[in-house]
Amino acid sequence: MIKGFKMKLYEGQEKEYERRHNELWPEMIDMIHEHGGKNYSIFLDKETNILFGYIEIEDPKKWDESADTAINRKWWDYMADIMETNPDNSPVTKDLDLLFHLD
């Protein structure tokens, strides 16, 4: 299954966001894979600071369970100062509807 979503980065935080993801913790990578995530990419629209995420997941329920892992909560806390977040530090995320796909 393909999942697309958007988030918002605070102005001026592009390089810091990229740096943190280039140094993604090994245990975070393991958690993503353990919960069925692969081919994960995040793009930035520099005009709006909107981040577009693309990930392929095996099972939506299994993927949703990743939100409650300790490492994911730690990552959210780590990222909260550079992007829009909810009160629990999860990123404000809007799922996008897939309208077209071509293999």
N, C-alpha and C. Protein backbone atom coordinates (compact mmCIF):
# COMPACT_ATOMS: atom_id res chain seq x y z
N MET A 1 0.85 -1.18 0.00
CA MET A 1 0.00 0.00 0.00
C MET A 1 0.89 1.24 0.00
N ILE A 2 0.49 2.24 -0.74
CA ILE A 2 1.21 3.52 -0.80
C ILE A 2 0.52 4.51 0.11
N LYS A 3 1.31 5.24 0.88
CA LYS A 3 0.77 6.26 1.77
C LYS A 3 1.44 7.59 1.45
N GLY A 4 0.63 8.61 1.23
CA GLY A 4 1.13 9.96 1.00
C GLY A 4 0.56 10.88 2.06
N PHE A 5 1.36 11.81 2.53
CA PHE A 5 0.91 12.73 3.58
C PHE A 5 1.71 14.02 3.51
N LYS A 6 1.19 15.05 4.19
CA LYS A 6 1.92 16.31 4.24
C LYS A 6 2.05 16.78 5.68
N MET A 7 3.11 17.55 5.91
CA MET A 7 3.41 18.15 7.21
C MET A 7 3.94 19.56 6.92
N LYS A 8 4.20 20.34 7.96
CA LYS A 8 4.70 21.70 7.73
C LYS A 8 5.94 21.95 8.58
N LEU A 9 6.95 22.44 7.92
CA LEU A 9 8.22 22.78 8.53
C LEU A 9 8.23 24.27 8.87
N TYR A 10 8.80 24.61 10.02
CA TYR A 10 8.94 26.03 10.36
C TYR A 10 9.95 26.68 9.42
N GLU A 11 9.71 27.92 9.10
CA GLU A 11 10.58 28.68 8.20
C GLU A 11 12.02 28.68 8.71
N GLY A 12 12.94 28.49 7.79
CA GLY A 12 14.36 28.52 8.13
C GLY A 12 14.90 27.23 8.71
N GLN A 13 14.09 26.18 8.76
CA GLN A 13 14.52 24.92 9.38
C GLN A 13 14.83 23.82 8.37
N GLU A 14 14.92 24.19 7.10
CA GLU A 14 15.12 23.19 6.06
C GLU A 14 16.42 22.41 6.25
N LYS A 15 17.51 23.11 6.47
CA LYS A 15 18.81 22.44 6.61
C LYS A 15 18.86 21.57 7.86
N GLU A 16 18.27 22.06 8.95
CA GLU A 16 18.26 21.29 10.19
C GLU A 16 17.41 20.03 10.02
N TYR A 17 16.27 20.15 9.36
CA TYR A 17 15.41 18.98 9.12
C TYR A 17 16.17 17.94 8.29
N GLU A 18 16.82 18.40 7.24
CA GLU A 18 17.59 17.49 6.39
C GLU A 18 18.74 16.86 7.17
N ARG A 19 19.46 17.64 7.98
CA ARG A 19 20.57 17.11 8.77
C ARG A 19 20.10 16.01 9.71
N ARG A 20 19.00 16.26 10.42
CA ARG A 20 18.50 15.27 11.36
C ARG A 20 18.09 13.98 10.66
N HIS A 21 17.50 14.10 9.49
CA HIS A 21 17.10 12.89 8.76
C HIS A 21 18.29 12.18 8.14
N ASN A 22 19.31 12.92 7.75
CA ASN A 22 20.53 12.28 7.24
C ASN A 22 21.26 11.51 8.33
N GLU A 23 20.97 11.85 9.59
CA GLU A 23 21.56 11.16 10.75
C GLU A 23 20.51 10.33 11.48
N LEU A 24 19.51 9.85 10.74
CA LEU A 24 18.41 9.10 11.34
C LEU A 24 18.96 7.95 12.19
N TRP A 25 18.46 7.86 13.41
CA TRP A 25 18.93 6.86 14.36
C TRP A 25 18.70 5.45 13.83
N PRO A 26 19.67 4.56 14.00
CA PRO A 26 19.50 3.17 13.53
C PRO A 26 18.26 2.50 14.13
N GLU A 27 17.95 2.78 15.38
CA GLU A 27 16.77 2.15 16.00
C GLU A 27 15.47 2.69 15.40
N MET A 28 15.49 3.91 14.87
CA MET A 28 14.32 4.46 14.17
C MET A 28 14.15 3.75 12.82
N ILE A 29 15.26 3.54 12.13
CA ILE A 29 15.22 2.81 10.86
C ILE A 29 14.67 1.40 11.09
N ASP A 30 15.17 0.74 12.13
CA ASP A 30 14.69 -0.61 12.45
C ASP A 30 13.19 -0.61 12.73
N MET A 31 12.72 0.37 13.49
CA MET A 31 11.30 0.43 13.83
C MET A 31 10.45 0.60 12.57
N ILE A 32 10.87 1.47 11.66
CA ILE A 32 10.13 1.68 10.41
C ILE A 32 10.02 0.36 9.65
N HIS A 33 11.14 -0.34 9.52
CA HIS A 33 11.13 -1.62 8.80
C HIS A 33 10.31 -2.67 9.53
N GLU A 34 10.43 -2.74 10.86
CA GLU A 34 9.68 -3.72 11.64
C GLU A 34 8.17 -3.52 11.54
N HIS A 35 7.75 -2.28 11.28
CA HIS A 35 6.32 -1.98 11.15
C HIS A 35 5.87 -1.93 9.69
N GLY A 36 6.70 -2.48 8.81
CA GLY A 36 6.29 -2.66 7.42
C GLY A 36 6.51 -1.49 6.50
N GLY A 37 7.33 -0.52 6.89
CA GLY A 37 7.60 0.64 6.04
C GLY A 37 8.83 0.44 5.17
N LYS A 38 8.75 0.88 3.92
CA LYS A 38 9.90 0.84 3.02
C LYS A 38 9.73 1.93 1.96
N ASN A 39 10.80 2.18 1.22
CA ASN A 39 10.78 3.22 0.17
C ASN A 39 10.19 4.53 0.71
N TYR A 40 10.73 4.99 1.80
CA TYR A 40 10.24 6.19 2.49
C TYR A 40 11.00 7.40 1.97
N SER A 41 10.28 8.38 1.47
CA SER A 41 10.88 9.63 0.98
C SER A 41 10.08 10.81 1.52
N ILE A 42 10.77 11.91 1.76
CA ILE A 42 10.12 13.16 2.18
C ILE A 42 10.65 14.27 1.28
N PHE A 43 9.74 15.03 0.70
CA PHE A 43 10.08 16.12 -0.20
C PHE A 43 9.66 17.45 0.44
N LEU A 44 10.34 18.53 0.07
CA LEU A 44 10.03 19.86 0.58
C LEU A 44 9.60 20.78 -0.55
N ASP A 45 8.48 21.47 -0.37
CA ASP A 45 8.07 22.57 -1.24
C ASP A 45 8.63 23.84 -0.60
N LYS A 46 9.69 24.38 -1.16
CA LYS A 46 10.39 25.52 -0.57
C LYS A 46 9.53 26.78 -0.52
N GLU A 47 8.55 26.89 -1.38
CA GLU A 47 7.69 28.08 -1.39
C GLU A 47 6.73 28.11 -0.21
N THR A 48 6.34 26.93 0.28
CA THR A 48 5.32 26.87 1.34
C THR A 48 5.82 26.21 2.64
N ASN A 49 7.02 25.62 2.60
CA ASN A 49 7.55 24.84 3.72
C ASN A 49 6.71 23.59 4.02
N ILE A 50 5.94 23.16 3.03
CA ILE A 50 5.16 21.93 3.18
C ILE A 50 6.06 20.75 2.83
N LEU A 51 6.04 19.75 3.72
CA LEU A 51 6.74 18.51 3.49
C LEU A 51 5.75 17.50 2.93
N PHE A 52 6.15 16.77 1.90
CA PHE A 52 5.33 15.71 1.33
C PHE A 52 6.03 14.39 1.60
N GLY A 53 5.37 13.50 2.32
CA GLY A 53 5.93 12.19 2.61
C GLY A 53 5.31 11.12 1.75
N TYR A 54 6.13 10.17 1.34
CA TYR A 54 5.71 9.01 0.56
C TYR A 54 6.33 7.79 1.23
N ILE A 55 5.50 6.81 1.55
CA ILE A 55 6.02 5.56 2.10
C ILE A 55 5.17 4.40 1.62
N GLU A 56 5.80 3.29 1.40
CA GLU A 56 5.09 2.06 1.08
C GLU A 56 5.00 1.26 2.37
N ILE A 57 3.77 0.83 2.71
CA ILE A 57 3.56 0.07 3.94
C ILE A 57 2.89 -1.26 3.62
N GLU A 58 3.21 -2.25 4.44
CA GLU A 58 2.64 -3.59 4.23
C GLU A 58 1.19 -3.66 4.71
N ASP A 59 0.92 -3.05 5.88
CA ASP A 59 -0.38 -3.18 6.52
C ASP A 59 -0.68 -1.90 7.30
N PRO A 60 -1.75 -1.20 6.97
CA PRO A 60 -2.04 0.06 7.65
C PRO A 60 -2.16 -0.07 9.17
N LYS A 61 -2.74 -1.14 9.65
CA LYS A 61 -2.89 -1.33 11.10
C LYS A 61 -1.52 -1.47 11.77
N LYS A 62 -0.68 -2.30 11.16
CA LYS A 62 0.67 -2.49 11.69
C LYS A 62 1.44 -1.16 11.67
N TRP A 63 1.30 -0.40 10.59
CA TRP A 63 1.99 0.88 10.50
C TRP A 63 1.48 1.85 11.56
N ASP A 64 0.18 1.89 11.78
CA ASP A 64 -0.39 2.78 12.79
C ASP A 64 0.16 2.48 14.19
N GLU A 65 0.48 1.22 14.45
CA GLU A 65 1.04 0.83 15.74
C GLU A 65 2.42 1.42 15.99
N SER A 66 3.12 1.80 14.92
CA SER A 66 4.46 2.38 15.08
C SER A 66 4.42 3.70 15.85
N ALA A 67 3.29 4.40 15.81
CA ALA A 67 3.18 5.68 16.51
C ALA A 67 3.35 5.53 18.01
N ASP A 68 3.01 4.37 18.55
CA ASP A 68 3.07 4.17 19.99
C ASP A 68 4.38 3.56 20.48
N THR A 69 5.37 3.44 19.63
CA THR A 69 6.65 2.91 20.07
C THR A 69 7.45 3.99 20.78
N ALA A 70 8.26 3.58 21.72
CA ALA A 70 9.08 4.53 22.49
C ALA A 70 10.02 5.31 21.59
N ILE A 71 10.63 4.64 20.60
CA ILE A 71 11.58 5.33 19.73
C ILE A 71 10.87 6.36 18.86
N ASN A 72 9.66 6.06 18.42
CA ASN A 72 8.92 7.04 17.62
C ASN A 72 8.56 8.26 18.46
N ARG A 73 8.13 8.05 19.69
CA ARG A 73 7.80 9.18 20.58
C ARG A 73 9.05 10.02 20.85
N LYS A 74 10.19 9.38 21.00
CA LYS A 74 11.45 10.10 21.21
C LYS A 74 11.79 10.95 19.97
N TRP A 75 11.56 10.37 18.78
CA TRP A 75 11.82 11.10 17.53
C TRP A 75 10.90 12.32 17.43
N TRP A 76 9.62 12.13 17.75
CA TRP A 76 8.69 13.27 17.71
C TRP A 76 9.16 14.40 18.63
N ASP A 77 9.59 14.05 19.83
CA ASP A 77 10.09 15.06 20.77
C ASP A 77 11.30 15.78 20.19
N TYR A 78 12.18 15.03 19.55
CA TYR A 78 13.39 15.57 18.95
C TYR A 78 13.07 16.54 17.80
N MET A 79 12.02 16.28 17.06
CA MET A 79 11.67 17.09 15.89
C MET A 79 10.71 18.24 16.18
N ALA A 80 10.13 18.27 17.37
CA ALA A 80 9.05 19.22 17.68
C ALA A 80 9.46 20.69 17.57
N ASP A 81 10.72 21.01 17.73
CA ASP A 81 11.14 22.41 17.70
C ASP A 81 11.29 22.98 16.30
N ILE A 82 11.18 22.13 15.27
CA ILE A 82 11.40 22.64 13.91
C ILE A 82 10.21 22.44 12.97
N MET A 83 9.11 21.90 13.50
CA MET A 83 7.95 21.69 12.63
C MET A 83 6.66 21.79 13.43
N GLU A 84 5.55 21.98 12.72
CA GLU A 84 4.25 22.06 13.39
C GLU A 84 3.91 20.72 14.02
N THR A 85 3.49 20.77 15.31
CA THR A 85 3.18 19.54 16.03
C THR A 85 1.88 19.69 16.81
N ASN A 86 1.34 18.54 17.17
CA ASN A 86 0.19 18.45 18.06
C ASN A 86 0.67 18.53 19.50
N PRO A 87 -0.24 18.65 20.48
CA PRO A 87 0.17 18.73 21.89
C PRO A 87 1.06 17.58 22.36
N ASP A 88 0.94 16.39 21.75
CA ASP A 88 1.78 15.25 22.16
C ASP A 88 3.10 15.19 21.38
N ASN A 89 3.42 16.26 20.65
CA ASN A 89 4.61 16.41 19.81
C ASN A 89 4.57 15.59 18.52
N SER A 90 3.49 14.89 18.24
CA SER A 90 3.37 14.24 16.94
C SER A 90 3.24 15.34 15.89
N PRO A 91 3.80 15.12 14.70
CA PRO A 91 3.67 16.14 13.67
C PRO A 91 2.21 16.31 13.24
N VAL A 92 1.84 17.53 12.97
CA VAL A 92 0.53 17.78 12.37
C VAL A 92 0.61 17.20 10.96
N THR A 93 -0.18 16.18 10.72
CA THR A 93 -0.10 15.43 9.47
C THR A 93 -1.46 15.36 8.81
N LYS A 94 -1.47 15.51 7.51
CA LYS A 94 -2.68 15.38 6.72
C LYS A 94 -2.44 14.30 5.68
N ASP A 95 -3.20 13.19 5.77
CA ASP A 95 -3.09 12.16 4.76
C ASP A 95 -3.64 12.68 3.43
N LEU A 96 -3.02 12.25 2.35
CA LEU A 96 -3.42 12.66 1.01
C LEU A 96 -4.06 11.48 0.30
N ASP A 97 -5.04 11.75 -0.52
CA ASP A 97 -5.73 10.72 -1.29
C ASP A 97 -4.94 10.42 -2.56
N LEU A 98 -4.72 9.15 -2.83
CA LEU A 98 -4.07 8.72 -4.04
C LEU A 98 -5.07 8.79 -5.20
N LEU A 99 -4.73 9.55 -6.21
CA LEU A 99 -5.61 9.69 -7.37
C LEU A 99 -5.05 8.99 -8.61
N PHE A 100 -3.73 8.74 -8.63
CA PHE A 100 -3.13 8.10 -9.78
C PHE A 100 -1.85 7.42 -9.35
N HIS A 101 -1.59 6.24 -9.89
CA HIS A 101 -0.35 5.52 -9.65
C HIS A 101 -0.03 4.71 -10.91
N LEU A 102 1.23 4.67 -11.27
CA LEU A 102 1.69 3.90 -12.42
C LEU A 102 2.96 3.17 -12.02
N ASP A 103 2.99 1.86 -12.18
CA ASP A 103 4.22 1.08 -11.95
C ASP A 103 5.05 1.08 -13.20
